[in-house]
Amino acid sequence: MVLLTVGTVMFLVITAVALTLERLSGGERISFVFTALLFLGVLALLSRPKVVADEEGVTVVNITRTRRLSWAEILRVNLRAGDPWVFLDLSDGTSMPALGIQPGVAKQQAIRDARALRALAENRGTGKDIG
């Protein structure tokens, strides 16, 4: 929400400046507005990451991709010291970043979220004990 608000305010301010500066030509005004729109677009992309868990699995929304994973596909949830975000070890042998859980700003919240996701994956995924 913060990134979208900042992006919108930046867009409005830069556009207002472009329209009020009398020395700018039409092309220069358009380039100001285009640059402001570009900033807004980048901030909108940066605001997308999230991780949503439900009964069937997890939806991981990163900057440009969204991927739906079943619980059986998630073997392990990792957030080691120094990691910029959570990594999911998947059953196909790959690892996937989950940018929606980042310890950079709110470290304790990210640790709680990673632990909760790990517990869900262990209880509902292939690693759970049967019998």
N, C-alpha and C. Protein backbone atom coordinates (compact mmCIF):
# COMPACT_ATOMS: atom_id res chain seq x y z
N MET A 1 0.82 -1.19 0.00
CA MET A 1 0.00 0.00 0.00
C MET A 1 0.87 1.26 0.00
N VAL A 2 1.96 1.20 0.76
CA VAL A 2 2.85 2.36 0.84
C VAL A 2 3.47 2.65 -0.52
N LEU A 3 3.95 1.60 -1.20
CA LEU A 3 4.60 1.81 -2.49
C LEU A 3 3.62 2.39 -3.52
N LEU A 4 2.39 1.90 -3.52
CA LEU A 4 1.41 2.43 -4.47
C LEU A 4 1.04 3.87 -4.15
N THR A 5 0.97 4.20 -2.88
CA THR A 5 0.67 5.58 -2.49
C THR A 5 1.80 6.51 -2.89
N VAL A 6 3.03 6.10 -2.59
CA VAL A 6 4.19 6.91 -2.97
C VAL A 6 4.27 7.06 -4.48
N GLY A 7 4.04 5.97 -5.20
CA GLY A 7 4.08 6.03 -6.66
C GLY A 7 3.03 6.96 -7.24
N THR A 8 1.83 6.92 -6.68
CA THR A 8 0.75 7.79 -7.15
C THR A 8 1.07 9.25 -6.86
N VAL A 9 1.57 9.53 -5.65
CA VAL A 9 1.93 10.91 -5.30
C VAL A 9 3.06 11.40 -6.21
N MET A 10 4.07 10.55 -6.45
CA MET A 10 5.16 10.94 -7.35
C MET A 10 4.63 11.24 -8.75
N PHE A 11 3.75 10.38 -9.24
CA PHE A 11 3.17 10.59 -10.57
C PHE A 11 2.44 11.93 -10.64
N LEU A 12 1.62 12.21 -9.63
CA LEU A 12 0.85 13.46 -9.63
C LEU A 12 1.77 14.69 -9.53
N VAL A 13 2.78 14.63 -8.70
CA VAL A 13 3.69 15.76 -8.54
C VAL A 13 4.49 16.00 -9.81
N ILE A 14 5.06 14.94 -10.38
CA ILE A 14 5.86 15.10 -11.61
C ILE A 14 4.99 15.59 -12.76
N THR A 15 3.77 15.08 -12.86
CA THR A 15 2.86 15.52 -13.90
C THR A 15 2.48 16.99 -13.70
N ALA A 16 2.22 17.39 -12.47
CA ALA A 16 1.89 18.79 -12.18
C ALA A 16 3.06 19.70 -12.53
N VAL A 17 4.27 19.28 -12.19
CA VAL A 17 5.46 20.08 -12.53
C VAL A 17 5.59 20.20 -14.05
N ALA A 18 5.39 19.09 -14.75
CA ALA A 18 5.51 19.10 -16.21
C ALA A 18 4.49 20.05 -16.84
N LEU A 19 3.30 20.09 -16.27
CA LEU A 19 2.26 20.95 -16.84
C LEU A 19 2.41 22.42 -16.47
N THR A 20 3.07 22.71 -15.36
CA THR A 20 3.19 24.10 -14.92
C THR A 20 4.47 24.79 -15.41
N LEU A 21 5.48 24.03 -15.77
CA LEU A 21 6.70 24.66 -16.28
C LEU A 21 6.44 25.17 -17.70
N GLU A 22 6.53 26.47 -17.85
CA GLU A 22 6.18 27.09 -19.13
C GLU A 22 7.25 26.88 -20.20
N ARG A 23 8.46 26.64 -19.83
CA ARG A 23 9.54 26.52 -20.81
C ARG A 23 9.61 25.15 -21.48
N LEU A 24 8.84 24.21 -21.00
CA LEU A 24 8.88 22.87 -21.58
C LEU A 24 8.06 22.80 -22.85
N SER A 25 8.60 22.07 -23.82
CA SER A 25 7.84 21.83 -25.05
C SER A 25 6.86 20.69 -24.81
N GLY A 26 6.01 20.44 -25.77
CA GLY A 26 5.04 19.35 -25.64
C GLY A 26 5.72 18.00 -25.47
N GLY A 27 6.79 17.77 -26.23
CA GLY A 27 7.53 16.52 -26.12
C GLY A 27 8.18 16.34 -24.76
N GLU A 28 8.71 17.42 -24.22
CA GLU A 28 9.33 17.36 -22.90
C GLU A 28 8.28 17.07 -21.82
N ARG A 29 7.12 17.68 -21.96
CA ARG A 29 6.04 17.41 -21.00
C ARG A 29 5.64 15.94 -21.04
N ILE A 30 5.52 15.41 -22.26
CA ILE A 30 5.17 13.99 -22.41
C ILE A 30 6.25 13.11 -21.80
N SER A 31 7.53 13.47 -21.97
CA SER A 31 8.60 12.65 -21.39
C SER A 31 8.56 12.70 -19.87
N PHE A 32 8.21 13.84 -19.29
CA PHE A 32 8.05 13.92 -17.82
C PHE A 32 6.96 12.96 -17.36
N VAL A 33 5.80 13.03 -18.03
CA VAL A 33 4.66 12.19 -17.64
C VAL A 33 5.00 10.72 -17.86
N PHE A 34 5.67 10.40 -18.96
CA PHE A 34 6.07 9.02 -19.23
C PHE A 34 7.03 8.51 -18.16
N THR A 35 7.98 9.32 -17.75
CA THR A 35 8.92 8.94 -16.69
C THR A 35 8.19 8.71 -15.37
N ALA A 36 7.24 9.58 -15.06
CA ALA A 36 6.45 9.41 -13.84
C ALA A 36 5.65 8.13 -13.89
N LEU A 37 5.09 7.83 -15.06
CA LEU A 37 4.32 6.60 -15.24
C LEU A 37 5.23 5.37 -15.10
N LEU A 38 6.45 5.48 -15.60
CA LEU A 38 7.42 4.40 -15.46
C LEU A 38 7.75 4.14 -13.99
N PHE A 39 7.98 5.20 -13.21
CA PHE A 39 8.22 5.05 -11.77
C PHE A 39 7.04 4.38 -11.08
N LEU A 40 5.84 4.81 -11.41
CA LEU A 40 4.64 4.23 -10.83
C LEU A 40 4.55 2.74 -11.17
N GLY A 41 4.84 2.39 -12.41
CA GLY A 41 4.81 1.00 -12.83
C GLY A 41 5.80 0.13 -12.08
N VAL A 42 7.01 0.62 -11.89
CA VAL A 42 8.03 -0.13 -11.15
C VAL A 42 7.60 -0.32 -9.70
N LEU A 43 7.09 0.73 -9.08
CA LEU A 43 6.63 0.61 -7.69
C LEU A 43 5.43 -0.33 -7.58
N ALA A 44 4.57 -0.33 -8.58
CA ALA A 44 3.43 -1.26 -8.58
C ALA A 44 3.92 -2.71 -8.65
N LEU A 45 4.94 -2.97 -9.47
CA LEU A 45 5.51 -4.32 -9.53
C LEU A 45 6.15 -4.72 -8.20
N LEU A 46 6.84 -3.79 -7.58
CA LEU A 46 7.50 -4.08 -6.30
C LEU A 46 6.50 -4.30 -5.16
N SER A 47 5.28 -3.82 -5.33
CA SER A 47 4.27 -3.98 -4.28
C SER A 47 3.51 -5.30 -4.38
N ARG A 48 3.72 -6.08 -5.44
CA ARG A 48 2.96 -7.31 -5.69
C ARG A 48 3.29 -8.49 -4.78
N PRO A 49 4.54 -8.72 -4.38
CA PRO A 49 4.86 -9.98 -3.71
C PRO A 49 4.01 -10.27 -2.48
N LYS A 50 3.51 -11.51 -2.44
CA LYS A 50 2.77 -12.01 -1.28
C LYS A 50 2.74 -13.52 -1.34
N VAL A 51 2.44 -14.12 -0.22
CA VAL A 51 2.30 -15.57 -0.09
C VAL A 51 0.96 -15.82 0.57
N VAL A 52 0.10 -16.59 -0.11
CA VAL A 52 -1.24 -16.87 0.41
C VAL A 52 -1.41 -18.38 0.52
N ALA A 53 -1.66 -18.86 1.74
CA ALA A 53 -1.86 -20.29 1.98
C ALA A 53 -3.34 -20.57 2.21
N ASP A 54 -3.79 -21.73 1.70
CA ASP A 54 -5.15 -22.18 1.95
C ASP A 54 -5.14 -23.70 2.10
N GLU A 55 -6.29 -24.31 2.12
CA GLU A 55 -6.38 -25.76 2.36
C GLU A 55 -5.65 -26.59 1.31
N GLU A 56 -5.68 -26.16 0.06
CA GLU A 56 -5.09 -26.95 -1.02
C GLU A 56 -3.62 -26.69 -1.26
N GLY A 57 -3.12 -25.53 -0.87
CA GLY A 57 -1.72 -25.22 -1.12
C GLY A 57 -1.40 -23.76 -0.91
N VAL A 58 -0.42 -23.28 -1.68
CA VAL A 58 0.11 -21.93 -1.51
C VAL A 58 0.14 -21.24 -2.87
N THR A 59 -0.24 -19.97 -2.87
CA THR A 59 -0.07 -19.13 -4.05
C THR A 59 1.06 -18.16 -3.74
N VAL A 60 2.10 -18.21 -4.55
CA VAL A 60 3.25 -17.32 -4.38
C VAL A 60 3.21 -16.29 -5.49
N VAL A 61 3.07 -15.03 -5.11
CA VAL A 61 3.06 -13.93 -6.06
C VAL A 61 4.38 -13.19 -5.90
N ASN A 62 5.25 -13.28 -6.90
CA ASN A 62 6.51 -12.54 -6.90
C ASN A 62 6.35 -11.32 -7.80
N ILE A 63 7.41 -10.67 -8.16
CA ILE A 63 7.32 -9.41 -8.88
C ILE A 63 6.58 -9.55 -10.21
N THR A 64 6.94 -10.53 -11.01
CA THR A 64 6.30 -10.65 -12.32
C THR A 64 5.59 -11.98 -12.53
N ARG A 65 5.71 -12.92 -11.60
CA ARG A 65 5.10 -14.25 -11.78
C ARG A 65 4.25 -14.62 -10.59
N THR A 66 3.20 -15.39 -10.89
CA THR A 66 2.36 -15.98 -9.85
C THR A 66 2.38 -17.48 -10.07
N ARG A 67 2.60 -18.21 -8.98
CA ARG A 67 2.63 -19.67 -9.11
C ARG A 67 1.82 -20.30 -7.99
N ARG A 68 0.98 -21.23 -8.36
CA ARG A 68 0.16 -21.98 -7.42
C ARG A 68 0.85 -23.31 -7.15
N LEU A 69 1.07 -23.64 -5.88
CA LEU A 69 1.73 -24.88 -5.47
C LEU A 69 0.81 -25.67 -4.56
N SER A 70 0.73 -26.96 -4.79
CA SER A 70 0.01 -27.81 -3.85
C SER A 70 0.94 -28.07 -2.67
N TRP A 71 0.38 -28.48 -1.55
CA TRP A 71 1.21 -28.75 -0.37
C TRP A 71 2.22 -29.86 -0.66
N ALA A 72 1.84 -30.83 -1.47
CA ALA A 72 2.73 -31.94 -1.78
C ALA A 72 3.97 -31.49 -2.55
N GLU A 73 3.90 -30.38 -3.24
CA GLU A 73 5.05 -29.87 -4.00
C GLU A 73 6.09 -29.20 -3.12
N ILE A 74 5.71 -28.79 -1.93
CA ILE A 74 6.62 -28.05 -1.05
C ILE A 74 7.27 -29.02 -0.07
N LEU A 75 8.57 -29.23 -0.23
CA LEU A 75 9.29 -30.15 0.65
C LEU A 75 9.81 -29.45 1.90
N ARG A 76 10.20 -28.18 1.75
CA ARG A 76 10.79 -27.46 2.88
C ARG A 76 10.63 -25.95 2.68
N VAL A 77 10.45 -25.25 3.79
CA VAL A 77 10.39 -23.79 3.80
C VAL A 77 11.64 -23.30 4.52
N ASN A 78 12.46 -22.51 3.84
CA ASN A 78 13.74 -22.05 4.40
C ASN A 78 13.78 -20.54 4.57
N LEU A 79 14.23 -20.10 5.73
CA LEU A 79 14.58 -18.70 5.97
C LEU A 79 15.79 -18.73 6.89
N ARG A 80 16.95 -18.77 6.27
CA ARG A 80 18.20 -18.83 7.03
C ARG A 80 18.71 -17.42 7.31
N ALA A 81 19.58 -17.29 8.28
CA ALA A 81 20.17 -15.99 8.60
C ALA A 81 20.84 -15.43 7.35
N GLY A 82 20.54 -14.19 7.03
CA GLY A 82 21.12 -13.54 5.87
C GLY A 82 20.33 -13.69 4.59
N ASP A 83 19.33 -14.58 4.57
CA ASP A 83 18.48 -14.73 3.38
C ASP A 83 17.63 -13.47 3.20
N PRO A 84 17.50 -12.99 1.95
CA PRO A 84 16.68 -11.79 1.72
C PRO A 84 15.18 -12.09 1.77
N TRP A 85 14.80 -13.36 1.61
CA TRP A 85 13.40 -13.78 1.64
C TRP A 85 13.34 -15.28 1.83
N VAL A 86 12.14 -15.80 1.95
CA VAL A 86 11.93 -17.24 2.14
C VAL A 86 12.19 -17.95 0.82
N PHE A 87 12.77 -19.16 0.92
CA PHE A 87 12.93 -20.04 -0.23
C PHE A 87 12.14 -21.31 0.02
N LEU A 88 11.48 -21.80 -1.01
CA LEU A 88 10.72 -23.04 -0.94
C LEU A 88 11.47 -24.10 -1.73
N ASP A 89 11.84 -25.20 -1.07
CA ASP A 89 12.41 -26.35 -1.78
C ASP A 89 11.26 -27.17 -2.31
N LEU A 90 11.27 -27.41 -3.62
CA LEU A 90 10.14 -28.06 -4.28
C LEU A 90 10.46 -29.50 -4.66
N SER A 91 9.41 -30.28 -4.84
CA SER A 91 9.55 -31.71 -5.14
C SER A 91 10.20 -31.98 -6.49
N ASP A 92 10.24 -30.99 -7.38
CA ASP A 92 10.90 -31.19 -8.68
C ASP A 92 12.40 -30.93 -8.62
N GLY A 93 12.93 -30.70 -7.42
CA GLY A 93 14.37 -30.49 -7.24
C GLY A 93 14.81 -29.05 -7.33
N THR A 94 13.88 -28.13 -7.55
CA THR A 94 14.22 -26.72 -7.64
C THR A 94 13.90 -26.01 -6.33
N SER A 95 14.37 -24.79 -6.25
CA SER A 95 14.07 -23.92 -5.12
C SER A 95 13.42 -22.66 -5.67
N MET A 96 12.39 -22.20 -4.99
CA MET A 96 11.65 -21.04 -5.46
C MET A 96 11.63 -19.95 -4.40
N PRO A 97 11.99 -18.71 -4.77
CA PRO A 97 11.90 -17.62 -3.80
C PRO A 97 10.45 -17.22 -3.57
N ALA A 98 10.14 -16.88 -2.34
CA ALA A 98 8.82 -16.36 -1.99
C ALA A 98 9.04 -14.96 -1.42
N LEU A 99 9.05 -13.97 -2.30
CA LEU A 99 9.40 -12.61 -1.93
C LEU A 99 8.41 -11.96 -0.97
N GLY A 100 7.26 -12.58 -0.79
CA GLY A 100 6.25 -12.02 0.11
C GLY A 100 6.61 -12.11 1.58
N ILE A 101 7.65 -12.90 1.91
CA ILE A 101 8.11 -13.00 3.30
C ILE A 101 9.57 -12.58 3.31
N GLN A 102 9.81 -11.32 3.72
CA GLN A 102 11.15 -10.75 3.72
C GLN A 102 11.51 -10.23 5.11
N PRO A 103 12.64 -10.64 5.66
CA PRO A 103 13.02 -10.18 6.99
C PRO A 103 13.67 -8.80 7.01
N GLY A 104 13.85 -8.17 5.87
CA GLY A 104 14.55 -6.89 5.82
C GLY A 104 13.93 -5.79 6.66
N VAL A 105 12.62 -5.63 6.61
CA VAL A 105 11.95 -4.53 7.30
C VAL A 105 11.37 -5.00 8.63
N ALA A 106 10.66 -6.11 8.62
CA ALA A 106 10.00 -6.63 9.82
C ALA A 106 10.51 -8.05 10.09
N LYS A 107 11.68 -8.14 10.66
CA LYS A 107 12.35 -9.43 10.82
C LYS A 107 11.53 -10.42 11.65
N GLN A 108 11.02 -9.99 12.79
CA GLN A 108 10.27 -10.91 13.66
C GLN A 108 8.99 -11.39 12.99
N GLN A 109 8.31 -10.51 12.27
CA GLN A 109 7.10 -10.91 11.55
C GLN A 109 7.44 -11.91 10.45
N ALA A 110 8.54 -11.68 9.74
CA ALA A 110 8.95 -12.61 8.69
C ALA A 110 9.30 -13.98 9.27
N ILE A 111 9.94 -14.00 10.42
CA ILE A 111 10.27 -15.28 11.07
C ILE A 111 8.99 -16.00 11.48
N ARG A 112 8.02 -15.28 12.05
CA ARG A 112 6.74 -15.90 12.42
C ARG A 112 6.01 -16.44 11.19
N ASP A 113 5.99 -15.64 10.11
CA ASP A 113 5.32 -16.08 8.88
C ASP A 113 6.00 -17.31 8.28
N ALA A 114 7.33 -17.32 8.28
CA ALA A 114 8.07 -18.46 7.73
C ALA A 114 7.82 -19.71 8.57
N ARG A 115 7.79 -19.55 9.88
CA ARG A 115 7.51 -20.71 10.75
C ARG A 115 6.10 -21.25 10.54
N ALA A 116 5.15 -20.34 10.39
CA ALA A 116 3.76 -20.77 10.15
C ALA A 116 3.63 -21.49 8.82
N LEU A 117 4.29 -20.97 7.80
CA LEU A 117 4.26 -21.62 6.49
C LEU A 117 4.97 -22.97 6.54
N ARG A 118 6.08 -23.04 7.28
CA ARG A 118 6.80 -24.31 7.44
C ARG A 118 5.92 -25.34 8.14
N ALA A 119 5.22 -24.94 9.19
CA ALA A 119 4.34 -25.85 9.92
C ALA A 119 3.22 -26.36 9.02
N LEU A 120 2.64 -25.47 8.23
CA LEU A 120 1.58 -25.89 7.31
C LEU A 120 2.12 -26.88 6.27
N ALA A 121 3.29 -26.58 5.73
CA ALA A 121 3.89 -27.47 4.72
C ALA A 121 4.22 -28.83 5.31
N GLU A 122 4.70 -28.86 6.55
CA GLU A 122 5.03 -30.14 7.19
C GLU A 122 3.78 -30.94 7.53
N ASN A 123 2.73 -30.26 7.93
CA ASN A 123 1.50 -30.95 8.31
C ASN A 123 0.65 -31.39 7.13
N ARG A 124 0.73 -30.67 6.02
CA ARG A 124 -0.14 -30.96 4.89
C ARG A 124 0.59 -31.53 3.68
N GLY A 125 1.90 -31.43 3.67
CA GLY A 125 2.66 -31.86 2.50
C GLY A 125 3.11 -33.31 2.58
N THR A 126 4.04 -33.65 1.71
CA THR A 126 4.53 -35.01 1.62
C THR A 126 5.37 -35.41 2.82
N GLY A 127 5.86 -34.43 3.56
CA GLY A 127 6.70 -34.75 4.70
C GLY A 127 5.97 -35.11 5.96
N LYS A 128 4.64 -35.11 5.95
CA LYS A 128 3.91 -35.39 7.19
C LYS A 128 3.92 -36.90 7.49
N ASP A 129 3.87 -37.18 8.76
CA ASP A 129 3.89 -38.57 9.20
C ASP A 129 2.52 -39.19 8.96
N ILE A 130 2.53 -40.38 8.40
CA ILE A 130 1.29 -41.12 8.17
C ILE A 130 1.30 -42.33 9.08
N GLY A 131 0.28 -42.46 9.93
CA GLY A 131 0.16 -43.62 10.80
C GLY A 131 0.65 -43.40 12.12
